[in-house]
């Protein structure tokens, strides 16, 4: 995102309405364990986590802020801590024993 672009959503001067800010769009199921609310925002179905993770009210703008900054954060982590970036497909290929089956670790 360019620095002169404004993210979608209400302007900073828009009136604050709790229900608007804390009620995400209706979730769409994408698998048995995942759902999506905002475009490109996938999450574990919160019902599956309730026994282990306390659920909290999370404002819509913060979800979108985190989603928009995830690539910047990952790049920062790579620059500061990673000596090598390995893709998931590389890991799977390394585990493949050559006949199409995967070797279990």
C-alpha atoms as a PDB file:
ATOM      1  CA  UNK A   1       0.000   0.000   0.000  1.00  0.00           C
ATOM      2  CA  UNK A   2       1.335   3.429  -0.868  1.00  0.00           C
ATOM      3  CA  UNK A   3       1.692   5.823   2.049  1.00  0.00           C
ATOM      4  CA  UNK A   4      -0.651   8.378   0.446  1.00  0.00           C
ATOM      5  CA  UNK A   5      -3.490   5.827   0.144  1.00  0.00           C
ATOM      6  CA  UNK A   6      -6.137   5.708   2.827  1.00  0.00           C
ATOM      7  CA  UNK A   7      -7.449   2.317   3.924  1.00  0.00           C
ATOM      8  CA  UNK A   8     -11.116   1.649   3.207  1.00  0.00           C
ATOM      9  CA  UNK A   9     -13.575   2.383   5.973  1.00  0.00           C
ATOM     10  CA  UNK A  10     -14.853   5.379   7.872  1.00  0.00           C
ATOM     11  CA  UNK A  11     -12.707   8.486   8.161  1.00  0.00           C
ATOM     12  CA  UNK A  12     -11.054   9.347  11.459  1.00  0.00           C
ATOM     13  CA  UNK A  13     -13.723  11.973  12.023  1.00  0.00           C
ATOM     14  CA  UNK A  14     -16.619   9.534  11.585  1.00  0.00           C
ATOM     15  CA  UNK A  15     -18.830   9.099  14.661  1.00  0.00           C
ATOM     16  CA  UNK A  16     -17.996   6.077  16.810  1.00  0.00           C
ATOM     17  CA  UNK A  17     -20.740   3.482  16.991  1.00  0.00           C
ATOM     18  CA  UNK A  18     -19.865   0.401  19.047  1.00  0.00           C
ATOM     19  CA  UNK A  19     -22.035  -2.017  17.037  1.00  0.00           C
ATOM     20  CA  UNK A  20     -20.533  -0.849  13.721  1.00  0.00           C
ATOM     21  CA  UNK A  21     -16.979  -1.164  14.990  1.00  0.00           C
ATOM     22  CA  UNK A  22     -17.304  -4.486  16.840  1.00  0.00           C
ATOM     23  CA  UNK A  23     -19.662  -6.473  14.616  1.00  0.00           C
ATOM     24  CA  UNK A  24     -17.788  -8.063  11.701  1.00  0.00           C
ATOM     25  CA  UNK A  25     -19.577  -9.031   8.504  1.00  0.00           C
ATOM     26  CA  UNK A  26     -21.423 -12.344   8.563  1.00  0.00           C
ATOM     27  CA  UNK A  27     -18.771 -15.103   8.408  1.00  0.00           C
ATOM     28  CA  UNK A  28     -18.632 -17.393   5.395  1.00  0.00           C
ATOM     29  CA  UNK A  29     -17.544 -20.986   6.024  1.00  0.00           C
ATOM     30  CA  UNK A  30     -14.590 -22.030   3.846  1.00  0.00           C
ATOM     31  CA  UNK A  31     -13.902 -25.426   5.461  1.00  0.00           C
ATOM     32  CA  UNK A  32     -14.928 -27.436   8.512  1.00  0.00           C
ATOM     33  CA  UNK A  33     -12.546 -25.418  10.688  1.00  0.00           C
ATOM     34  CA  UNK A  34     -12.092 -22.078   8.903  1.00  0.00           C
ATOM     35  CA  UNK A  35     -14.201 -19.077   8.061  1.00  0.00           C
ATOM     36  CA  UNK A  36     -13.715 -15.711   6.407  1.00  0.00           C
ATOM     37  CA  UNK A  37     -15.287 -12.408   7.352  1.00  0.00           C
ATOM     38  CA  UNK A  38     -13.467  -9.673   5.467  1.00  0.00           C
ATOM     39  CA  UNK A  39     -11.964 -10.355   2.036  1.00  0.00           C
ATOM     40  CA  UNK A  40      -8.669 -12.268   2.399  1.00  0.00           C
ATOM     41  CA  UNK A  41      -9.104 -12.598   6.187  1.00  0.00           C
ATOM     42  CA  UNK A  42      -9.284 -16.280   7.102  1.00  0.00           C
ATOM     43  CA  UNK A  43      -9.596 -17.447  10.678  1.00  0.00           C
ATOM     44  CA  UNK A  44     -10.208 -20.577  12.700  1.00  0.00           C
ATOM     45  CA  UNK A  45     -13.872 -20.913  13.564  1.00  0.00           C
ATOM     46  CA  UNK A  46     -14.048 -19.231  17.015  1.00  0.00           C
ATOM     47  CA  UNK A  47     -16.406 -21.959  18.297  1.00  0.00           C
ATOM     48  CA  UNK A  48     -13.529 -24.453  18.016  1.00  0.00           C
ATOM     49  CA  UNK A  49     -11.282 -22.332  20.235  1.00  0.00           C
ATOM     50  CA  UNK A  50     -13.674 -21.303  23.021  1.00  0.00           C
ATOM     51  CA  UNK A  51     -12.606 -24.104  25.374  1.00  0.00           C
ATOM     52  CA  UNK A  52      -8.904 -23.164  25.130  1.00  0.00           C
ATOM     53  CA  UNK A  53      -8.741 -19.475  24.177  1.00  0.00           C
ATOM     54  CA  UNK A  54     -10.838 -16.768  25.788  1.00  0.00           C
ATOM     55  CA  UNK A  55     -12.665 -14.946  22.995  1.00  0.00           C
ATOM     56  CA  UNK A  56     -12.728 -11.162  23.111  1.00  0.00           C
ATOM     57  CA  UNK A  57     -14.481  -8.310  21.377  1.00  0.00           C
ATOM     58  CA  UNK A  58     -12.153  -7.124  18.634  1.00  0.00           C
ATOM     59  CA  UNK A  59     -12.848  -3.972  16.598  1.00  0.00           C
ATOM     60  CA  UNK A  60     -13.202  -4.386  12.844  1.00  0.00           C
ATOM     61  CA  UNK A  61     -10.633  -1.675  12.122  1.00  0.00           C
ATOM     62  CA  UNK A  62      -8.020  -3.517  14.213  1.00  0.00           C
ATOM     63  CA  UNK A  63      -8.608  -6.784  12.344  1.00  0.00           C
ATOM     64  CA  UNK A  64      -8.099  -4.943   9.054  1.00  0.00           C
ATOM     65  CA  UNK A  65      -5.026  -3.075  10.393  1.00  0.00           C
ATOM     66  CA  UNK A  66      -3.377  -6.334  11.437  1.00  0.00           C
ATOM     67  CA  UNK A  67      -4.261  -7.996   8.139  1.00  0.00           C
ATOM     68  CA  UNK A  68      -2.811  -5.107   6.109  1.00  0.00           C
ATOM     69  CA  UNK A  69       0.438  -5.053   8.099  1.00  0.00           C
ATOM     70  CA  UNK A  70       1.118  -8.815   8.218  1.00  0.00           C
ATOM     71  CA  UNK A  71       3.474  -8.794   5.211  1.00  0.00           C
ATOM     72  CA  UNK A  72       5.483  -5.876   6.626  1.00  0.00           C
ATOM     73  CA  UNK A  73       5.817  -7.728   9.930  1.00  0.00           C
ATOM     74  CA  UNK A  74       6.888 -10.950   8.232  1.00  0.00           C
ATOM     75  CA  UNK A  75       9.482  -9.100   6.116  1.00  0.00           C
ATOM     76  CA  UNK A  76      10.841  -7.415   9.264  1.00  0.00           C
ATOM     77  CA  UNK A  77      11.125 -10.773  11.032  1.00  0.00           C
ATOM     78  CA  UNK A  78      12.942 -12.246   8.028  1.00  0.00           C
ATOM     79  CA  UNK A  79      15.392  -9.328   7.864  1.00  0.00           C
ATOM     80  CA  UNK A  80      16.188  -9.562  11.577  1.00  0.00           C
ATOM     81  CA  UNK A  81      16.038 -13.259  12.385  1.00  0.00           C
ATOM     82  CA  UNK A  82      15.960 -15.494   9.308  1.00  0.00           C
ATOM     83  CA  UNK A  83      19.138 -16.718   7.710  1.00  0.00           C
ATOM     84  CA  UNK A  84      17.067 -18.518   5.089  1.00  0.00           C
ATOM     85  CA  UNK A  85      13.377 -18.487   4.159  1.00  0.00           C
ATOM     86  CA  UNK A  86      11.988 -21.944   3.373  1.00  0.00           C
ATOM     87  CA  UNK A  87       8.624 -22.395   1.678  1.00  0.00           C
ATOM     88  CA  UNK A  88       6.125 -25.049   2.697  1.00  0.00           C
ATOM     89  CA  UNK A  89       6.443 -26.715  -0.710  1.00  0.00           C
ATOM     90  CA  UNK A  90      10.215 -27.033  -0.181  1.00  0.00           C
ATOM     91  CA  UNK A  91       9.628 -28.726   3.169  1.00  0.00           C
ATOM     92  CA  UNK A  92       7.128 -31.155   1.650  1.00  0.00           C
ATOM     93  CA  UNK A  93       9.481 -31.951  -1.226  1.00  0.00           C
ATOM     94  CA  UNK A  94      12.248 -32.668   1.283  1.00  0.00           C
ATOM     95  CA  UNK A  95       9.975 -35.118   3.106  1.00  0.00           C
ATOM     96  CA  UNK A  96       8.888 -36.861  -0.096  1.00  0.00           C
ATOM     97  CA  UNK A  97      10.730 -40.163  -0.386  1.00  0.00           C
ATOM     98  CA  UNK A  98      10.524 -40.237  -4.171  1.00  0.00           C
ATOM     99  CA  UNK A  99       7.571 -42.574  -4.752  1.00  0.00           C
ATOM    100  CA  UNK A 100       4.794 -40.059  -4.027  1.00  0.00           C
ATOM    101  CA  UNK A 101       4.414 -40.968  -0.373  1.00  0.00           C
ATOM    102  CA  UNK A 102       5.486 -38.724   2.456  1.00  0.00           C
ATOM    103  CA  UNK A 103       7.884 -39.885   5.110  1.00  0.00           C
ATOM    104  CA  UNK A 104       6.493 -39.226   8.583  1.00  0.00           C
ATOM    105  CA  UNK A 105       8.759 -37.402  11.002  1.00  0.00           C
END
